[in-house]
Protein backbone atom coordinates (compact mmCIF):
# COMPACT_ATOMS: atom_id res chain seq x y z
CA MET A 1 -135.77 -42.53 -80.74
CA LYS A 2 -136.52 -40.33 -83.70
CA LEU A 3 -137.09 -41.97 -86.98
CA THR A 4 -134.98 -41.12 -90.12
CA ALA A 5 -136.24 -40.44 -93.49
CA ARG A 6 -134.56 -43.91 -94.23
CA ASP A 7 -136.68 -45.10 -91.27
CA THR A 8 -140.25 -43.53 -92.58
CA THR A 9 -139.75 -44.97 -96.21
CA ALA A 10 -138.57 -48.88 -94.39
CA HIS A 11 -142.56 -49.22 -93.63
CA PRO A 12 -145.61 -49.19 -95.36
CA TYR A 13 -146.83 -46.65 -92.83
CA ASN A 14 -145.88 -42.67 -92.82
CA ALA A 15 -145.39 -41.75 -89.12
CA ARG A 16 -145.21 -38.72 -89.97
CA ASN A 17 -148.55 -38.20 -92.39
CA GLN A 18 -150.26 -40.96 -90.07
CA CYS A 19 -151.20 -42.53 -94.09
CA TRP A 20 -150.22 -45.77 -95.96
CA LYS A 21 -146.69 -44.21 -97.70
CA SER A 22 -147.11 -45.06 -101.28
CA PRO A 23 -149.65 -47.40 -103.60
CA ARG A 24 -146.51 -49.34 -104.05
CA HIS A 25 -146.67 -50.57 -100.52
CA LEU A 26 -150.63 -50.25 -100.16
CA SER A 27 -150.43 -53.25 -102.68
CA ALA A 28 -149.27 -55.41 -100.46
CA TYR A 29 -152.30 -54.99 -98.29
CA SER A 30 -155.05 -54.18 -100.77
CA PRO A 31 -158.26 -56.13 -100.88
CA ILE A 32 -157.76 -57.65 -104.02
CA THR A 33 -154.37 -59.16 -102.92
CA MET A 34 -155.28 -60.53 -99.51
CA SER A 35 -158.73 -62.16 -101.26
CA ALA A 36 -156.16 -63.72 -103.92
CA ARG A 37 -153.81 -65.15 -100.84
CA PHE A 38 -157.38 -65.91 -98.84
CA ALA A 39 -158.99 -67.99 -102.00
CA ALA A 40 -155.35 -69.77 -102.55
CA VAL A 41 -155.72 -70.78 -98.61
CA LEU A 42 -159.13 -72.14 -99.16
CA ILE A 43 -158.34 -73.52 -102.45
CA ALA A 44 -155.27 -75.09 -100.86
CA SER A 45 -157.39 -76.53 -97.66
CA LEU A 46 -159.93 -78.48 -100.42
CA VAL A 47 -157.32 -79.92 -102.01
CA THR A 48 -156.24 -81.05 -98.62
CA GLY A 49 -159.56 -82.13 -97.34
CA THR A 50 -159.99 -83.88 -100.63
CA ALA A 51 -156.90 -85.57 -100.50
CA VAL A 52 -157.83 -87.08 -96.75
CA ALA A 53 -161.26 -88.02 -97.99
CA GLN A 54 -160.10 -89.77 -101.18
CA SER A 55 -157.65 -92.04 -99.04
CA PHE A 56 -159.65 -92.77 -96.14
CA PRO A 57 -159.71 -94.99 -94.81
CA GLU A 58 -156.18 -96.30 -94.68
CA LYS A 59 -156.86 -99.07 -91.63
CA PRO A 60 -158.98 -101.14 -89.79
CA LEU A 61 -162.08 -99.32 -88.35
CA ARG A 62 -164.20 -100.34 -85.25
CA MET A 63 -167.53 -99.98 -84.23
CA ILE A 64 -168.75 -99.84 -80.82
CA VAL A 65 -171.68 -101.58 -80.27
CA PRO A 66 -173.21 -100.97 -76.83
CA PHE A 67 -175.34 -104.02 -76.63
CA SER A 68 -174.52 -107.38 -76.11
CA PRO A 69 -174.05 -109.91 -79.35
CA GLY A 70 -176.93 -111.28 -81.19
CA ALA A 71 -179.68 -108.24 -80.66
CA GLY A 72 -181.12 -106.45 -83.60
CA THR A 73 -178.21 -103.28 -83.23
CA ASP A 74 -175.44 -105.79 -83.28
CA MET A 75 -176.83 -107.09 -86.47
CA LEU A 76 -177.25 -103.82 -88.14
CA SER A 77 -173.66 -102.91 -86.81
CA ARG A 78 -172.15 -106.46 -89.22
CA VAL A 79 -174.41 -105.58 -91.75
CA ILE A 80 -172.46 -102.26 -92.03
CA ALA A 81 -168.96 -103.62 -91.03
CA ARG A 82 -169.15 -106.18 -93.83
CA LYS A 83 -170.47 -103.88 -96.45
CA LEU A 84 -168.12 -101.01 -96.00
CA GLN A 85 -165.39 -103.38 -95.92
CA GLU A 86 -166.18 -105.03 -99.31
CA ALA A 87 -166.57 -101.29 -100.22
CA TRP A 88 -163.19 -100.03 -99.32
CA GLY A 89 -161.05 -102.59 -98.56
CA GLN A 90 -160.60 -102.15 -94.72
CA ASN A 91 -161.38 -104.22 -92.06
CA MET A 92 -164.35 -103.48 -89.48
CA VAL A 93 -164.02 -104.90 -86.25
CA VAL A 94 -167.43 -104.60 -84.09
CA GLU A 95 -166.71 -104.53 -80.68
CA ASN A 96 -169.78 -105.33 -77.82
CA ARG A 97 -169.49 -103.27 -74.78
CA PRO A 98 -172.97 -103.49 -73.11
CA GLY A 99 -173.49 -102.52 -70.19
CA GLY A 100 -175.17 -99.37 -68.03
CA GLY A 101 -178.06 -98.89 -70.19
CA THR A 102 -175.85 -97.83 -72.96
CA ILE A 103 -173.60 -96.00 -71.36
CA ILE A 104 -170.35 -97.69 -71.27
CA GLY A 105 -169.94 -98.53 -74.69
CA VAL A 106 -171.12 -94.72 -75.65
CA ALA A 107 -168.60 -93.27 -73.25
CA ALA A 108 -165.93 -95.16 -74.49
CA ALA A 109 -166.72 -93.87 -78.43
CA ALA A 110 -166.30 -90.37 -76.34
CA LYS A 111 -162.92 -90.84 -75.62
CA ALA A 112 -161.82 -92.19 -78.91
CA PRO A 113 -159.51 -90.21 -81.32
CA PRO A 114 -161.80 -87.98 -83.24
CA ASP A 115 -160.04 -89.48 -86.96
CA GLY A 116 -163.20 -91.51 -88.00
CA TYR A 117 -161.93 -94.92 -87.52
CA THR A 118 -164.31 -95.52 -84.02
CA LEU A 119 -167.97 -95.59 -84.26
CA VAL A 120 -170.49 -96.08 -81.93
CA MET A 121 -174.50 -97.31 -82.94
CA VAL A 122 -176.63 -95.63 -81.16
CA THR A 123 -180.30 -96.54 -80.61
CA PRO A 124 -182.87 -94.49 -78.63
CA SER A 125 -181.38 -95.02 -75.26
CA PHE A 126 -179.11 -92.66 -76.23
CA ILE A 127 -181.37 -89.45 -76.68
CA ILE A 128 -183.63 -91.04 -73.57
CA ASN A 129 -179.98 -91.37 -70.88
CA ALA A 130 -179.78 -87.75 -71.79
CA ALA A 131 -183.23 -86.59 -71.00
CA SER A 132 -183.51 -88.40 -68.21
CA ALA A 133 -180.23 -89.75 -66.47
CA LYS A 134 -178.88 -87.21 -63.79
CA LYS A 135 -175.31 -87.41 -64.85
CA LEU A 136 -173.22 -88.55 -67.64
CA PRO A 137 -169.83 -89.09 -68.62
CA TYR A 138 -169.93 -87.22 -71.38
CA ASP A 139 -172.10 -84.36 -73.19
CA SER A 140 -174.21 -86.32 -75.48
CA LEU A 141 -174.44 -83.12 -77.89
CA LYS A 142 -170.74 -81.65 -77.71
CA ASP A 143 -168.88 -85.00 -77.61
CA PHE A 144 -170.53 -86.91 -81.08
CA ALA A 145 -170.30 -85.91 -84.63
CA PRO A 146 -173.66 -87.00 -86.21
CA VAL A 147 -173.08 -89.42 -89.31
CA THR A 148 -176.28 -90.50 -90.18
CA LEU A 149 -180.01 -92.01 -89.00
CA PHE A 150 -179.37 -95.59 -90.53
CA ALA A 151 -182.83 -97.19 -89.92
CA THR A 152 -185.76 -97.08 -88.41
CA SER A 153 -188.58 -99.81 -86.78
CA PRO A 154 -192.01 -99.77 -84.93
CA LEU A 155 -192.73 -101.18 -81.62
CA MET A 156 -195.07 -103.50 -81.11
CA LEU A 157 -197.40 -103.69 -78.30
CA VAL A 158 -198.52 -107.09 -77.65
CA ALA A 159 -200.75 -108.89 -75.10
CA HIS A 160 -200.80 -112.11 -73.42
CA PRO A 161 -204.34 -113.92 -75.17
CA SER A 162 -205.32 -114.24 -71.10
CA LEU A 163 -205.60 -110.78 -71.15
CA PRO A 164 -209.06 -109.59 -72.45
CA VAL A 165 -208.29 -106.98 -74.65
CA GLN A 166 -208.51 -106.84 -78.72
CA SER A 167 -207.56 -103.31 -79.18
CA VAL A 168 -205.66 -100.33 -77.62
CA LYS A 169 -208.92 -99.04 -76.75
CA ASP A 170 -209.91 -102.15 -74.80
CA LEU A 171 -206.49 -102.03 -73.08
CA ILE A 172 -206.96 -98.46 -71.99
CA ALA A 173 -210.66 -99.14 -70.65
CA LEU A 174 -209.68 -102.40 -68.69
CA ALA A 175 -206.19 -100.35 -67.23
CA LYS A 176 -208.88 -98.03 -66.23
CA MET A 177 -210.81 -100.24 -64.58
CA ARG A 178 -208.19 -102.09 -63.00
CA PRO A 179 -205.48 -99.53 -61.84
CA GLY A 180 -201.93 -100.53 -61.48
CA GLN A 181 -203.30 -104.57 -61.83
CA ILE A 182 -202.24 -105.12 -65.78
CA THR A 183 -198.31 -105.66 -65.69
CA PHE A 184 -196.13 -104.83 -68.06
CA ALA A 185 -192.62 -105.90 -69.20
CA SER A 186 -189.95 -103.54 -70.75
CA ALA A 187 -186.51 -103.85 -71.91
CA GLY A 188 -185.41 -101.96 -68.67
CA ASN A 189 -185.69 -98.77 -66.77
CA GLY A 190 -185.76 -95.47 -68.95
CA SER A 191 -185.85 -97.73 -71.94
CA PRO A 192 -188.06 -96.46 -75.10
CA THR A 193 -189.98 -100.02 -74.26
CA HIS A 194 -190.61 -98.79 -70.76
CA LEU A 195 -191.36 -94.90 -71.39
CA GLY A 196 -193.35 -95.98 -74.60
CA MET A 197 -195.72 -97.53 -72.32
CA GLU A 198 -195.39 -94.82 -69.63
CA VAL A 199 -197.01 -92.34 -71.95
CA PHE A 200 -200.45 -94.52 -71.40
CA ARG A 201 -200.54 -92.77 -68.00
CA SER A 202 -201.41 -89.26 -69.97
CA VAL A 203 -205.14 -90.36 -70.37
CA GLY A 204 -205.51 -92.18 -67.02
CA ALA A 205 -204.42 -96.17 -67.81
CA VAL A 206 -202.07 -96.84 -64.98
CA MET A 207 -199.88 -100.28 -65.52
CA SER A 208 -197.37 -101.72 -63.48
CA HIS A 209 -193.81 -102.17 -64.92
CA VAL A 210 -191.56 -104.94 -64.72
CA PRO A 211 -188.36 -103.99 -66.01
CA TYR A 212 -186.03 -106.50 -67.45
CA LYS A 213 -182.19 -106.78 -68.55
CA GLY A 214 -183.36 -106.88 -72.65
CA ALA A 215 -185.82 -107.31 -74.47
CA ALA A 216 -185.34 -111.16 -74.45
CA PRO A 217 -186.40 -112.53 -71.02
CA GLY A 218 -189.55 -109.95 -71.09
CA VAL A 219 -190.74 -111.85 -73.76
CA ILE A 220 -190.30 -115.24 -72.11
CA ASP A 221 -191.85 -114.28 -69.25
CA LEU A 222 -194.79 -112.50 -71.54
CA LEU A 223 -195.19 -115.62 -73.45
CA GLY A 224 -195.72 -117.76 -69.99
CA GLY A 225 -198.30 -115.31 -68.63
CA HIS A 226 -196.28 -114.19 -66.25
CA VAL A 227 -196.60 -110.71 -67.28
CA GLN A 228 -199.31 -109.49 -69.09
CA VAL A 229 -198.78 -106.74 -71.78
CA MET A 230 -195.10 -105.34 -73.29
CA MET A 231 -194.13 -102.89 -76.67
CA THR A 232 -191.38 -103.93 -78.20
CA THR A 233 -189.50 -104.41 -81.40
CA LEU A 234 -191.46 -105.51 -84.08
CA ALA A 235 -189.37 -108.46 -85.09
CA PHE A 236 -189.15 -109.93 -81.76
CA VAL A 237 -192.58 -110.65 -81.78
CA LYS A 238 -193.87 -111.07 -84.80
CA PRO A 239 -193.48 -114.61 -85.00
CA HIS A 240 -195.39 -114.83 -81.58
CA VAL A 241 -198.00 -112.88 -83.13
CA GLU A 242 -198.22 -115.04 -85.95
CA SER A 243 -198.26 -118.42 -84.32
CA GLY A 244 -200.98 -116.85 -81.70
CA LYS A 245 -198.69 -116.88 -78.80
CA LEU A 246 -199.41 -113.50 -78.32
CA ARG A 247 -202.06 -110.59 -79.53
CA ALA A 248 -200.99 -107.49 -80.95
CA LEU A 249 -202.37 -104.38 -80.59
CA GLY A 250 -200.83 -101.65 -81.94
CA VAL A 251 -197.70 -100.65 -83.60
CA SER A 252 -195.95 -97.42 -82.36
CA THR A 253 -195.39 -95.07 -85.26
CA ALA A 254 -197.52 -92.81 -86.71
CA LYS A 255 -198.61 -94.83 -89.49
CA ARG A 256 -199.09 -98.40 -89.59
CA ALA A 257 -196.15 -100.90 -90.07
CA VAL A 258 -194.98 -101.87 -94.12
CA ALA A 259 -194.04 -105.43 -92.60
CA MET A 260 -197.61 -105.76 -90.87
CA PRO A 261 -200.62 -103.32 -92.22
CA GLN A 262 -203.05 -105.39 -90.69
CA VAL A 263 -202.01 -104.34 -87.49
CA PRO A 264 -203.57 -100.09 -86.31
CA ALA A 265 -200.98 -97.55 -85.12
CA ILE A 266 -201.50 -96.63 -81.54
CA ALA A 267 -202.28 -93.21 -83.24
CA GLU A 268 -204.98 -94.03 -84.67
CA THR A 269 -206.77 -93.94 -80.59
CA LEU A 270 -204.27 -92.19 -79.14
CA PRO A 271 -203.70 -88.87 -81.81
CA GLY A 272 -200.04 -87.71 -81.84
CA TYR A 273 -198.61 -91.11 -80.24
CA GLU A 274 -195.71 -92.05 -82.06
CA VAL A 275 -192.51 -94.06 -80.53
CA ILE A 276 -189.65 -94.84 -83.23
CA ASN A 277 -187.45 -97.46 -82.78
CA TRP A 278 -184.14 -96.54 -84.62
CA TRP A 279 -180.22 -97.05 -85.67
CA GLY A 280 -177.87 -93.99 -85.70
CA VAL A 281 -174.09 -94.04 -85.99
CA LEU A 282 -171.63 -91.12 -84.25
CA ALA A 283 -168.47 -90.10 -84.52
CA PRO A 284 -166.13 -88.80 -81.76
CA ALA A 285 -166.50 -84.87 -82.06
CA GLY A 286 -163.82 -82.99 -84.15
CA THR A 287 -163.93 -85.56 -86.86
CA PRO A 288 -163.19 -83.90 -89.91
CA ALA A 289 -166.10 -83.08 -92.21
CA VAL A 290 -164.44 -84.67 -95.06
CA ILE A 291 -164.18 -88.17 -93.08
CA ILE A 292 -167.90 -87.85 -92.12
CA GLY A 293 -169.43 -87.21 -95.33
CA LYS A 294 -167.07 -90.07 -96.56
CA LEU A 295 -168.89 -92.31 -93.50
CA ASN A 296 -171.98 -90.89 -94.70
CA SER A 297 -172.21 -91.87 -97.91
CA GLY A 298 -170.62 -95.17 -97.54
CA MET A 299 -173.51 -95.90 -95.21
CA VAL A 300 -176.80 -93.96 -97.46
CA ASN A 301 -175.17 -96.52 -100.64
CA LEU A 302 -175.06 -99.53 -98.91
CA LEU A 303 -178.83 -98.73 -97.80
CA ARG A 304 -179.77 -99.14 -101.68
CA GLU A 305 -178.06 -102.59 -102.29
CA PRO A 306 -180.97 -105.23 -102.61
CA ASP A 307 -179.15 -107.74 -100.04
CA VAL A 308 -179.07 -104.61 -97.52
CA GLN A 309 -182.98 -103.84 -97.84
CA GLU A 310 -184.28 -107.87 -98.22
CA THR A 311 -182.53 -108.43 -94.84
CA LEU A 312 -183.95 -105.20 -93.11
CA ALA A 313 -187.64 -106.09 -94.62
CA ARG A 314 -187.09 -109.86 -93.00
CA GLU A 315 -186.65 -107.99 -89.64
CA GLY A 316 -189.27 -105.35 -89.70
CA ILE A 317 -186.79 -102.48 -90.09
CA GLU A 318 -187.15 -99.72 -92.34
CA ARG A 319 -184.10 -97.89 -93.93
CA ALA A 320 -183.36 -94.10 -93.58
CA GLY A 321 -180.06 -92.66 -94.56
CA SER A 322 -180.16 -89.20 -93.48
CA SER A 323 -177.66 -86.97 -94.14
CA ALA A 324 -175.16 -85.54 -90.94
CA ALA A 325 -177.13 -82.29 -90.30
CA GLU A 326 -180.32 -84.22 -90.72
CA PHE A 327 -179.78 -86.54 -87.68
CA SER A 328 -177.96 -83.99 -85.72
CA THR A 329 -181.74 -81.87 -86.00
CA TYR A 330 -183.14 -84.99 -85.29
CA ILE A 331 -181.27 -85.83 -81.57
CA ARG A 332 -181.77 -82.51 -80.59
CA ALA A 333 -185.85 -82.61 -81.13
CA GLU A 334 -185.79 -86.43 -79.65
CA ILE A 335 -183.78 -85.11 -76.78
CA VAL A 336 -186.62 -82.34 -75.91
CA LYS A 337 -189.14 -84.76 -76.50
CA TRP A 338 -187.74 -87.39 -73.81
CA ARG A 339 -187.26 -85.18 -71.09
CA LYS A 340 -190.67 -84.05 -71.14
CA VAL A 341 -191.88 -87.79 -71.32
CA ALA A 342 -189.35 -88.01 -68.26
CA ASN A 343 -190.31 -85.06 -66.35
CA ASP A 344 -194.03 -86.32 -66.74
CA THR A 345 -193.71 -89.45 -65.93
CA GLY A 346 -191.56 -88.56 -62.85
CA VAL A 347 -188.54 -91.48 -64.93
CA GLN A 348 -185.04 -90.86 -63.47
CA LEU A 349 -182.32 -93.23 -64.18
CA ASP A 350 -179.34 -93.66 -61.43
């Protein structure tokens, strides 16, 4: 079809001359006009995002805890729930979903709507599963949006008093003399308390692993002398060390613990050794950044409250309160670290 003169002037592009017709038509597509439109869209999106953040939350929230009630993770989750309820006026339900080495609860969170109303409290088990499990029902990096690294705590290496060791150096020497004869308990195969002990293999201190379904039964058997060594959370064994029922050999952090500064760090004997027990909060991937920001600020702010600090100090827990970006970087680095440990020790989860 042949274009008429009227046809060519109806569009800003001149078909005959193959150029833009006139400044009048060009103005609608000029960089200045388009920049103004982009700015308007950007401002509108920012205003919308701010409104969403200000109105959030508008209904009760849910914190999934992939552990049984009563454990340290459960306690911290309930501290967060109580404090955010006070700050925001909305209830936060703590839902315990143990099983599968935390995989069951974490998988449930991955499938939740990405609206900020479902969160999950994770520990190093989240990282170790990602580093050593054959198959997971979720992608540890792609299916979650980090909110904050909430708190950290050292693990403590303790021995039954019947074992003739007074230090980490003594334990290594005895394990070399009696390879495989010293037994150590853990909270389960592939747990931080397991892999933290497997690292001793790298210096020739081979000990036999006795896995338990959680830290509590392992500590009970350690107190009874059925196993000889265990690495577990400081809060679990601190009273038994103070009463003389267990002997503290070292803490797993790079520096001595604030709660028990008289106990040396394992790193003082094995330079570079560091195993940190931590608690962090994740949301499903796709949760709006403005909601992540409000969740982050709410949790970081409650860590500044004196009663929260007192609760954490009593349990030998140190506050962290990282940004979402910092927690994301930390997760990636920890997966690399524990994947190497799993490969070096041959530990693999089912």
